[in-house]
Amino acid sequence: MGPLLLKLMIIGLVALLLGVMLEQVADLVHEREARYQDVNREIGSLWGGDQTLEGPLLAIPYGRPAQVTGAGTIPQAGVLYFLPEQLEVKAGVEPQLRHRGLFQSVVYSLDTHLKARFLLPTRADLDAVVDDAGDDEIVLLWESAFIALGVSDMRSIGDLVELQAGSERLPFVPGSRVPDLLPSGMSVNLPVDVDVFNRGMLDVVIDLKLNGSGAVNVLPLGRQTRVEIESTWPSPKFIGAYLPESREIDAGGFTARWSLSYFGRDYGQVLHSEHLSDSVRSQLRASAFGVELYQPVTPYRKVERAIKYGLLFVVFTFGLYFIIELVTGRRIHPVQYATVGVPLCLFYLMLVAFAEHIGFVPAYVLGASSIIALIGLYSLSVLRGLRKALLIMLSLVGLYGYLYTLLEQESYSLLWGSLGLLLLTAGFMYGTRNVDWYASETRSGDGGTADQEEFNHA
């Protein structure tokens, strides 16, 4: 085994040890990100979590005349749940930042305006229930009718909520009274004398203000459902069963609109309390859609992505040193390779530490500048030539500039990464195109040719 091959193996071993160091830094970043996620969940549990608006729906208990009691009353036999014929939801999402120590979390205040129109049940609706119930006749108990509205996190509602029905304004009370359909929510009794009952339809309006974090979701309970969500948050992520029909997104925020019919879901407009199976509940949840206030690249995600290129930085820098060693004949000890490699790994530790205090971009500039200056000054002493030290520094400037571009271009990271690897390979091929590897085995201990000596003293 020649001395050149032995040195390459030692340099490779040093690079692998530095790779282990990078893994330790990556574990630390994962730990900090886990703490960040814990803070997000903690703030969300106090401020309000993901919010899902479910409803409103009209609940009308029914009874069977054959079961009239001695007092002349008809006992309740079940409940029919009528979904709205038309449902309109307009929601304004105001994002806010909440801080806990070094960490911050995105939360929001939600201002919602809901309008729903219910068609009062026809004889055909009741006949369908009769067929399912296996009885001859049922009677709707209007005096027990109520409106239910589901809200996934009720703790975040600060103001009283009222239902406007015709000229009536009726206050909601906690509890949906429909636990099988709406586990968390509110309800309001409908008085028998509401004038809208006489016109065969019921129009209701609900204004709701609540807090939340993460996502805003809506269930498309209307035969025709129209939803509009707007916010000043510039990075929405549309989630759930349906994408918006139209959207406008810019630096000032977004506006998204949905228009859906009931053909796109697996449940009908009338639900029966005796037939609420797990499949019906899962179908309701599966039809939810909405938007998440998405942070496309957090500092921790950026650092995690940057660390993936850490070993490549080490290999490139070692390769550049090795080429200089071959061309100039200047011998560089493996310890000196390791001394250069350690700061390359410490860059990522500095990056995450500074990013928690001053943000990612200033942290990146500060960390990269420090590492480039440190390695440049060290190279000036090791390589004993200003030209060679400047070559190292300029190469690192190009590498860190390329890495920053790669981190910012999330959608094109694979393309930029592939092109970068191609250019690095081409640079190595160009730099070693005139190297006589067999001759280098015998020259590894001497001072090189006259041309090499000229390069050494440049």
Protein backbone atom coordinates (compact mmCIF):
# COMPACT_ATOMS: atom_id res chain seq x y z
CA MET A 1 0.00 0.00 0.00
CA GLY A 2 1.50 3.31 -1.13
CA PRO A 3 1.74 6.36 1.13
CA LEU A 4 -0.77 8.29 -1.03
CA LEU A 5 -3.43 5.61 -0.67
CA LEU A 6 -2.73 5.33 3.05
CA LYS A 7 -3.16 9.06 3.48
CA LEU A 8 -6.41 9.00 1.52
CA MET A 9 -7.70 6.30 3.85
CA ILE A 10 -6.71 8.31 6.92
CA ILE A 11 -8.39 11.43 5.51
CA GLY A 12 -11.49 9.36 4.79
CA LEU A 13 -11.48 8.07 8.38
CA VAL A 14 -11.22 11.65 9.66
CA ALA A 15 -14.18 12.61 7.45
CA LEU A 16 -16.23 9.72 8.85
CA LEU A 17 -15.45 10.79 12.42
CA LEU A 18 -16.58 14.29 11.54
CA GLY A 19 -19.74 12.72 10.14
CA VAL A 20 -20.38 11.24 13.59
CA MET A 21 -19.92 14.73 15.02
CA LEU A 22 -22.51 16.02 12.54
CA GLU A 23 -24.93 13.34 13.71
CA GLN A 24 -24.50 14.55 17.28
CA VAL A 25 -25.26 18.10 16.17
CA ALA A 26 -28.32 16.82 14.27
CA ASP A 27 -29.55 15.09 17.45
CA LEU A 28 -29.24 18.37 19.32
CA VAL A 29 -31.24 20.16 16.61
CA HIS A 30 -33.95 17.47 16.84
CA GLU A 31 -34.05 17.96 20.60
CA ARG A 32 -34.49 21.72 20.22
CA GLU A 33 -37.18 21.23 17.60
CA ALA A 34 -39.01 18.81 19.88
CA ARG A 35 -38.92 21.45 22.59
CA TYR A 36 -40.26 23.98 20.08
CA GLN A 37 -43.14 21.63 19.22
CA ASP A 38 -43.86 21.13 22.93
CA VAL A 39 -44.10 24.90 23.36
CA ASN A 40 -46.47 25.08 20.37
CA ARG A 41 -48.71 22.44 21.90
CA GLU A 42 -48.57 24.09 25.31
CA ILE A 43 -49.49 27.52 23.93
CA GLY A 44 -52.20 25.92 21.78
CA SER A 45 -53.68 24.15 24.79
CA LEU A 46 -53.95 27.49 26.60
CA TRP A 47 -54.92 29.76 23.71
CA GLY A 48 -56.91 27.30 21.62
CA GLY A 49 -56.04 24.40 19.35
CA ASP A 50 -57.14 23.47 15.83
CA GLN A 51 -60.68 24.73 15.36
CA THR A 52 -63.39 22.91 13.42
CA LEU A 53 -66.80 24.52 12.87
CA GLU A 54 -69.49 21.84 12.73
CA GLY A 55 -72.97 22.96 11.84
CA PRO A 56 -75.32 24.46 12.62
CA LEU A 57 -77.91 21.70 12.46
CA LEU A 58 -81.60 21.64 13.39
CA ALA A 59 -82.55 18.94 15.91
CA ILE A 60 -86.23 18.02 16.30
CA PRO A 61 -87.22 15.26 18.72
CA TYR A 62 -90.13 13.04 17.70
CA GLY A 63 -92.55 10.66 19.36
CA ARG A 64 -95.13 8.04 18.44
CA PRO A 65 -98.84 8.69 19.13
CA ALA A 66 -99.29 5.05 20.01
CA GLN A 67 -97.16 5.67 23.10
CA VAL A 68 -99.23 8.56 24.55
CA THR A 69 -99.05 8.54 28.34
CA GLY A 70 -101.95 8.85 30.71
CA ALA A 71 -101.19 12.57 31.06
CA GLY A 72 -101.78 13.03 27.35
CA THR A 73 -98.12 13.70 26.47
CA ILE A 74 -96.13 11.94 23.79
CA PRO A 75 -92.78 10.66 25.07
CA GLN A 76 -89.70 11.32 22.99
CA ALA A 77 -88.73 8.31 20.88
CA GLY A 78 -85.76 9.78 19.03
CA VAL A 79 -84.31 12.86 17.37
CA LEU A 80 -84.10 13.89 13.73
CA TYR A 81 -81.16 16.04 12.70
CA PHE A 82 -81.80 18.25 9.69
CA LEU A 83 -78.75 19.70 7.95
CA PRO A 84 -79.04 23.15 6.34
CA GLU A 85 -80.23 23.58 2.79
CA GLN A 86 -77.76 26.42 2.36
CA LEU A 87 -74.71 27.16 4.49
CA GLU A 88 -72.49 30.21 4.14
CA VAL A 89 -69.38 30.71 6.26
CA LYS A 90 -67.18 33.80 6.18
CA ALA A 91 -64.15 33.67 8.43
CA GLY A 92 -61.45 36.24 9.08
CA VAL A 93 -58.26 34.81 10.57
CA GLU A 94 -55.97 37.27 12.36
CA PRO A 95 -52.57 35.65 13.06
CA GLN A 96 -50.56 36.53 16.15
CA LEU A 97 -47.20 35.47 17.55
CA ARG A 98 -46.94 34.24 21.13
CA HIS A 99 -43.54 33.83 22.81
CA ARG A 100 -42.41 31.39 25.47
CA GLY A 101 -38.74 31.86 26.32
CA LEU A 102 -36.70 31.55 23.12
CA PHE A 103 -39.58 30.00 21.21
CA GLN A 104 -42.54 31.52 19.42
CA SER A 105 -45.81 30.05 18.23
CA VAL A 106 -48.34 31.21 15.64
CA VAL A 107 -51.89 31.52 16.98
CA TYR A 108 -54.95 33.26 15.59
CA SER A 109 -58.17 35.03 16.43
CA LEU A 110 -61.12 33.87 14.33
CA ASP A 111 -64.07 36.09 13.49
CA THR A 112 -66.79 33.99 11.86
CA HIS A 113 -70.14 34.85 10.30
CA LEU A 114 -72.43 31.87 9.61
CA LYS A 115 -75.71 31.92 7.71
CA ALA A 116 -77.84 28.81 7.35
CA ARG A 117 -81.23 28.12 5.83
CA PHE A 118 -83.22 25.08 6.92
CA LEU A 119 -86.21 23.71 5.03
CA LEU A 120 -88.70 22.42 7.54
CA PRO A 121 -89.33 18.67 7.22
CA THR A 122 -91.90 17.49 4.73
CA ARG A 123 -94.16 14.47 4.96
CA ALA A 124 -91.71 12.61 2.73
CA ASP A 125 -88.93 13.20 5.27
CA LEU A 126 -91.12 11.85 8.01
CA ASP A 127 -92.24 8.88 5.90
CA ALA A 128 -88.59 7.96 5.41
CA VAL A 129 -88.11 7.99 9.17
CA VAL A 130 -91.29 5.92 9.63
CA ASP A 131 -89.94 3.33 7.21
CA ASP A 132 -86.65 3.17 9.12
CA ALA A 133 -88.36 3.09 12.51
CA GLY A 134 -90.80 0.38 11.50
CA ASP A 135 -93.82 2.23 12.89
CA ASP A 136 -96.98 3.68 11.42
CA GLU A 137 -96.67 7.31 12.41
CA ILE A 138 -94.46 9.78 14.21
CA VAL A 139 -95.10 13.27 15.55
CA LEU A 140 -92.50 16.03 15.68
CA LEU A 141 -92.13 17.56 19.14
CA TRP A 142 -91.60 21.18 18.09
CA GLU A 143 -91.57 22.44 21.65
CA SER A 144 -88.26 20.56 22.14
CA ALA A 145 -86.58 21.64 18.88
CA PHE A 146 -83.11 23.21 19.11
CA ILE A 147 -80.17 24.38 17.02
CA ALA A 148 -76.76 22.79 17.70
CA LEU A 149 -73.36 24.15 16.65
CA GLY A 150 -70.15 22.20 17.08
CA VAL A 151 -66.87 23.93 17.99
CA SER A 152 -63.87 21.68 18.59
CA ASP A 153 -62.33 23.84 21.35
CA MET A 154 -64.99 25.67 23.33
CA ARG A 155 -62.57 27.11 25.90
CA SER A 156 -61.35 29.71 23.42
CA ILE A 157 -64.74 31.46 23.11
CA GLY A 158 -64.61 34.68 25.09
CA ASP A 159 -67.87 36.44 24.14
CA LEU A 160 -71.47 35.34 24.42
CA VAL A 161 -72.85 33.75 21.25
CA GLU A 162 -76.36 34.42 19.99
CA LEU A 163 -78.55 32.92 17.31
CA GLN A 164 -80.53 35.34 15.18
CA ALA A 165 -83.70 33.73 13.82
CA GLY A 166 -86.11 36.18 12.26
CA SER A 167 -86.66 38.93 14.81
CA GLU A 168 -85.50 36.71 17.67
CA ARG A 169 -82.03 36.83 19.24
CA LEU A 170 -81.49 33.70 21.30
CA PRO A 171 -78.41 33.02 23.47
CA PHE A 172 -76.53 29.76 23.08
CA VAL A 173 -75.69 27.62 26.10
CA PRO A 174 -72.73 25.23 26.45
CA GLY A 175 -73.28 21.68 25.30
CA SER A 176 -74.33 20.58 21.83
CA ARG A 177 -76.85 18.04 23.21
CA VAL A 178 -75.78 15.90 20.27
CA PRO A 179 -72.73 14.12 21.72
CA ASP A 180 -72.81 11.37 19.10
CA LEU A 181 -72.49 13.92 16.29
CA LEU A 182 -70.95 17.02 17.89
CA PRO A 183 -68.82 16.02 20.89
CA SER A 184 -68.04 19.65 21.74
CA GLY A 185 -70.30 22.59 21.04
CA MET A 186 -73.30 24.68 22.04
CA SER A 187 -77.05 24.68 21.54
CA VAL A 188 -80.09 26.94 21.78
CA ASN A 189 -83.78 26.07 22.16
CA LEU A 190 -86.16 27.31 19.48
CA PRO A 191 -89.36 28.86 20.85
CA VAL A 192 -92.54 27.51 19.30
CA ASP A 193 -93.72 30.99 18.32
CA VAL A 194 -90.77 31.84 16.07
CA ASP A 195 -92.51 33.44 13.10
CA VAL A 196 -90.26 31.88 10.49
CA PHE A 197 -91.74 28.45 11.14
CA ASN A 198 -94.86 29.55 9.32
CA ARG A 199 -93.06 30.04 6.02
CA GLY A 200 -91.70 26.52 5.67
CA MET A 201 -88.10 27.55 6.24
CA LEU A 202 -85.83 28.73 9.01
CA ASP A 203 -83.01 31.26 8.41
CA VAL A 204 -80.43 31.61 11.16
CA VAL A 205 -77.37 33.84 11.55
CA ILE A 206 -74.54 33.24 14.01
CA ASP A 207 -71.57 35.52 14.71
CA LEU A 208 -68.79 33.72 16.51
CA LYS A 209 -65.40 34.91 17.77
CA LEU A 210 -62.88 32.43 19.09
CA ASN A 211 -59.16 31.76 19.37
CA GLY A 212 -57.15 28.91 17.96
CA SER A 213 -53.84 27.72 16.60
CA GLY A 214 -52.79 25.59 13.69
CA ALA A 215 -55.77 25.00 11.41
CA VAL A 216 -59.30 26.27 10.75
CA ASN A 217 -61.70 23.60 9.43
CA VAL A 218 -65.35 23.55 8.34
CA LEU A 219 -67.77 20.68 7.84
CA PRO A 220 -69.76 20.99 4.57
CA LEU A 221 -73.15 20.25 6.12
CA GLY A 222 -75.21 22.28 3.66
CA ARG A 223 -76.86 20.90 0.57
CA GLN A 224 -74.96 23.83 -0.90
CA THR A 225 -72.00 25.07 1.15
CA ARG A 226 -70.05 28.25 0.46
CA VAL A 227 -67.02 29.14 2.55
CA GLU A 228 -64.66 32.11 2.39
CA ILE A 229 -61.58 32.36 4.61
CA GLU A 230 -59.23 35.33 4.54
CA SER A 231 -56.15 36.20 6.56
CA THR A 232 -52.99 38.31 6.54
CA TRP A 233 -50.88 35.15 6.93
CA PRO A 234 -48.79 34.76 3.73
CA SER A 235 -48.24 30.98 3.84
CA PRO A 236 -51.52 29.04 3.91
CA LYS A 237 -51.66 25.28 3.60
CA PHE A 238 -55.01 24.02 2.35
CA ILE A 239 -56.00 20.78 4.02
CA GLY A 240 -58.87 18.34 4.23
CA ALA A 241 -61.26 16.77 1.75
CA TYR A 242 -61.60 19.72 -0.64
CA LEU A 243 -59.28 22.28 -2.17
CA PRO A 244 -60.55 25.86 -2.60
CA GLU A 245 -62.36 26.74 -5.79
CA SER A 246 -60.39 29.98 -5.99
CA ARG A 247 -57.54 31.49 -4.03
CA GLU A 248 -55.46 34.64 -3.96
CA ILE A 249 -52.12 34.47 -2.13
CA ASP A 250 -49.50 37.19 -1.84
CA ALA A 251 -47.20 38.75 0.75
CA GLY A 252 -50.18 40.53 2.29
CA GLY A 253 -52.13 37.36 3.03
CA PHE A 254 -54.64 35.10 1.31
CA THR A 255 -58.30 34.70 0.46
CA ALA A 256 -59.72 31.26 -0.33
CA ARG A 257 -63.23 30.31 -1.42
CA TRP A 258 -65.02 26.96 -1.56
CA SER A 259 -68.36 26.15 -3.19
CA LEU A 260 -69.53 22.59 -2.54
CA SER A 261 -72.66 20.54 -3.04
CA TYR A 262 -73.76 17.59 -0.96
CA PHE A 263 -72.92 15.20 -3.82
CA GLY A 264 -69.30 15.26 -2.70
CA ARG A 265 -69.96 13.60 0.66
CA ASP A 266 -71.28 10.26 1.90
CA TYR A 267 -74.15 11.33 4.19
CA GLY A 268 -77.56 12.85 3.50
CA GLN A 269 -79.47 15.87 4.75
CA VAL A 270 -81.49 14.07 7.44
CA LEU A 271 -79.81 12.00 10.14
CA HIS A 272 -81.59 9.73 12.62
CA SER A 273 -80.49 9.47 16.26
CA GLU A 274 -81.07 5.71 16.21
CA HIS A 275 -78.83 5.23 13.19
CA LEU A 276 -75.73 7.20 14.21
CA SER A 277 -73.10 4.55 13.66
CA ASP A 278 -69.34 4.95 13.83
CA SER A 279 -69.27 5.05 10.03
CA VAL A 280 -71.57 8.10 9.95
CA ARG A 281 -69.38 9.91 12.46
CA SER A 282 -66.23 9.05 10.54
CA GLN A 283 -67.86 10.26 7.30
CA LEU A 284 -68.62 13.59 8.95
CA ARG A 285 -65.04 14.03 10.15
CA ALA A 286 -63.60 12.91 6.82
CA SER A 287 -65.51 15.63 4.94
CA ALA A 288 -63.86 18.49 6.88
CA PHE A 289 -61.72 20.96 4.96
CA GLY A 290 -59.95 24.20 5.68
CA VAL A 291 -56.60 25.93 5.95
CA GLU A 292 -53.56 25.72 8.19
CA LEU A 293 -51.36 28.69 9.10
CA TYR A 294 -48.26 26.97 7.82
CA GLN A 295 -44.67 27.90 8.61
CA PRO A 296 -42.98 26.59 5.46
CA VAL A 297 -39.42 26.46 6.80
CA THR A 298 -38.72 26.97 10.50
CA PRO A 299 -35.11 27.62 11.59
CA TYR A 300 -34.89 24.05 12.86
CA ARG A 301 -36.08 22.59 9.57
CA LYS A 302 -33.57 24.73 7.71
CA VAL A 303 -30.73 23.63 9.98
CA GLU A 304 -31.80 19.98 9.61
CA ARG A 305 -31.72 20.36 5.85
CA ALA A 306 -28.36 22.14 6.00
CA ILE A 307 -26.79 19.36 8.10
CA LYS A 308 -27.60 16.88 5.33
CA TYR A 309 -24.98 18.71 3.26
CA GLY A 310 -22.47 18.91 6.12
CA LEU A 311 -20.46 15.86 5.14
CA LEU A 312 -20.39 17.11 1.55
CA PHE A 313 -18.82 20.36 2.80
CA VAL A 314 -16.19 18.36 4.69
CA VAL A 315 -15.40 16.17 1.68
CA PHE A 316 -15.18 19.18 -0.65
CA THR A 317 -12.88 21.12 1.68
CA PHE A 318 -10.68 18.08 2.29
CA GLY A 319 -10.60 17.45 -1.45
CA LEU A 320 -9.50 21.04 -2.10
CA TYR A 321 -6.73 20.71 0.50
CA PHE A 322 -5.67 17.39 -0.97
CA ILE A 323 -5.50 18.82 -4.50
CA ILE A 324 -3.37 21.71 -3.23
CA GLU A 325 -1.16 19.18 -1.47
CA LEU A 326 -0.75 17.17 -4.68
CA VAL A 327 -0.13 20.15 -6.93
CA THR A 328 2.19 22.09 -4.62
CA GLY A 329 3.89 19.27 -2.77
CA ARG A 330 3.06 20.99 0.51
CA ARG A 331 2.48 18.18 3.02
CA ILE A 332 -0.57 18.56 5.24
CA HIS A 333 -0.90 16.37 8.32
CA PRO A 334 -4.18 14.48 8.98
CA VAL A 335 -4.48 16.39 12.25
CA GLN A 336 -4.53 19.60 10.22
CA TYR A 337 -7.31 18.15 8.07
CA ALA A 338 -9.26 17.40 11.24
CA THR A 339 -8.57 20.89 12.57
CA VAL A 340 -10.16 22.35 9.45
CA GLY A 341 -13.08 19.91 9.56
CA VAL A 342 -14.16 20.62 13.13
CA PRO A 343 -15.17 24.27 12.43
CA LEU A 344 -17.18 23.07 9.43
CA CYS A 345 -19.23 20.94 11.84
CA LEU A 346 -19.44 23.64 14.50
CA PHE A 347 -21.06 25.94 11.94
CA TYR A 348 -24.37 24.08 12.30
CA LEU A 349 -24.22 24.26 16.09
CA MET A 350 -23.60 28.01 15.88
CA LEU A 351 -26.39 28.33 13.33
CA VAL A 352 -29.10 26.83 15.52
CA ALA A 353 -27.83 28.62 18.64
CA PHE A 354 -27.81 32.08 17.03
CA ALA A 355 -31.02 31.48 15.04
CA GLU A 356 -32.99 31.07 18.27
CA HIS A 357 -31.95 34.59 19.28
CA ILE A 358 -31.51 36.69 16.14
CA GLY A 359 -33.29 34.76 13.38
CA PHE A 360 -32.02 32.41 10.70
CA VAL A 361 -30.61 34.83 8.12
CA PRO A 362 -28.44 36.92 10.53
CA ALA A 363 -27.35 33.69 12.23
CA TYR A 364 -26.35 32.19 8.89
CA VAL A 365 -24.33 35.24 7.86
CA LEU A 366 -22.62 35.46 11.25
CA GLY A 367 -21.86 31.75 11.45
CA ALA A 368 -20.60 31.42 7.88
CA SER A 369 -18.44 34.56 8.15
CA SER A 370 -16.87 33.32 11.38
CA ILE A 371 -16.07 29.88 9.97
CA ILE A 372 -14.69 31.27 6.69
CA ALA A 373 -12.45 33.75 8.53
CA LEU A 374 -11.26 31.07 10.98
CA ILE A 375 -10.41 28.51 8.29
CA GLY A 376 -8.92 31.20 6.05
CA LEU A 377 -6.49 32.42 8.72
CA TYR A 378 -5.58 28.85 9.62
CA SER A 379 -5.01 27.99 5.95
CA LEU A 380 -2.72 31.00 5.60
CA SER A 381 -0.41 29.43 8.18
CA VAL A 382 -0.78 25.81 7.08
CA LEU A 383 -0.46 26.36 3.33
CA ARG A 384 1.98 29.27 3.69
CA GLY A 385 0.64 31.23 0.80
CA LEU A 386 -1.89 34.04 0.52
CA ARG A 387 -3.07 32.82 -2.86
CA LYS A 388 -3.87 29.35 -1.56
CA ALA A 389 -5.61 30.71 1.55
CA LEU A 390 -7.73 33.03 -0.60
CA LEU A 391 -8.63 30.07 -2.81
CA ILE A 392 -9.90 28.20 0.25
CA MET A 393 -11.85 31.22 1.53
CA LEU A 394 -13.45 32.01 -1.84
CA SER A 395 -14.43 28.37 -2.25
CA LEU A 396 -16.11 28.39 1.16
CA VAL A 397 -17.89 31.65 0.32
CA GLY A 398 -19.25 29.99 -2.80
CA LEU A 399 -20.26 26.86 -0.87
CA TYR A 400 -22.10 28.72 1.89
CA GLY A 401 -23.77 31.00 -0.64
CA TYR A 402 -24.89 27.97 -2.60
CA LEU A 403 -26.19 26.28 0.55
CA TYR A 404 -28.22 29.35 1.53
CA THR A 405 -29.81 29.46 -1.92
CA LEU A 406 -30.58 25.76 -1.61
CA LEU A 407 -32.29 26.24 1.75
CA GLU A 408 -34.40 29.15 0.53
CA GLN A 409 -35.53 27.43 -2.68
CA GLU A 410 -37.60 24.72 -1.01
CA SER A 411 -39.49 23.77 -4.17
CA TYR A 412 -36.32 23.53 -6.26
CA SER A 413 -33.96 22.06 -3.66
CA LEU A 414 -33.55 18.76 -5.54
CA LEU A 415 -32.71 20.57 -8.79
CA TRP A 416 -30.25 22.94 -7.12
CA GLY A 417 -28.70 20.07 -5.17
CA SER A 418 -28.18 17.95 -8.28
CA LEU A 419 -26.62 20.85 -10.19
CA GLY A 420 -24.35 21.63 -7.24
CA LEU A 421 -23.07 18.06 -7.06
CA LEU A 422 -22.44 18.10 -10.78
CA LEU A 423 -20.43 21.33 -10.54
CA LEU A 424 -18.40 20.02 -7.59
CA THR A 425 -17.61 16.83 -9.49
CA ALA A 426 -16.62 18.86 -12.54
CA GLY A 427 -14.39 21.09 -10.38
CA PHE A 428 -12.61 18.07 -8.89
CA MET A 429 -12.10 16.57 -12.35
CA TYR A 430 -10.73 19.88 -13.65
CA GLY A 431 -8.43 20.38 -10.67
CA THR A 432 -6.91 16.90 -10.96
CA ARG A 433 -6.86 16.62 -14.75
CA ASN A 434 -3.04 16.90 -14.97
CA VAL A 435 -2.20 14.97 -11.81
CA ASP A 436 -0.01 11.91 -12.41
CA TRP A 437 -1.34 9.69 -9.64
CA TYR A 438 1.40 7.07 -10.07
CA ALA A 439 4.11 9.72 -9.97
CA SER A 440 2.46 11.27 -6.94
CA GLU A 441 3.13 8.05 -5.05
CA THR A 442 6.88 8.58 -5.43
CA ARG A 443 6.75 12.37 -4.94
CA SER A 444 4.77 12.28 -1.75
CA GLY A 445 7.87 13.03 0.32
CA ASP A 446 9.72 15.54 -1.90
CA GLY A 447 9.07 19.15 -2.75
CA GLY A 448 7.53 18.66 -6.23
CA THR A 449 8.50 20.15 -9.58
CA ALA A 450 9.71 23.62 -10.38
CA ASP A 451 6.20 24.65 -11.38
CA GLN A 452 4.95 23.44 -8.03
CA GLU A 453 7.62 25.44 -6.22
CA GLU A 454 6.52 28.51 -8.17
CA PHE A 455 2.92 27.92 -7.03
CA ASN A 456 4.11 27.43 -3.45
CA HIS A 457 5.76 30.84 -3.34
CA ALA A 458 3.00 32.68 -5.21
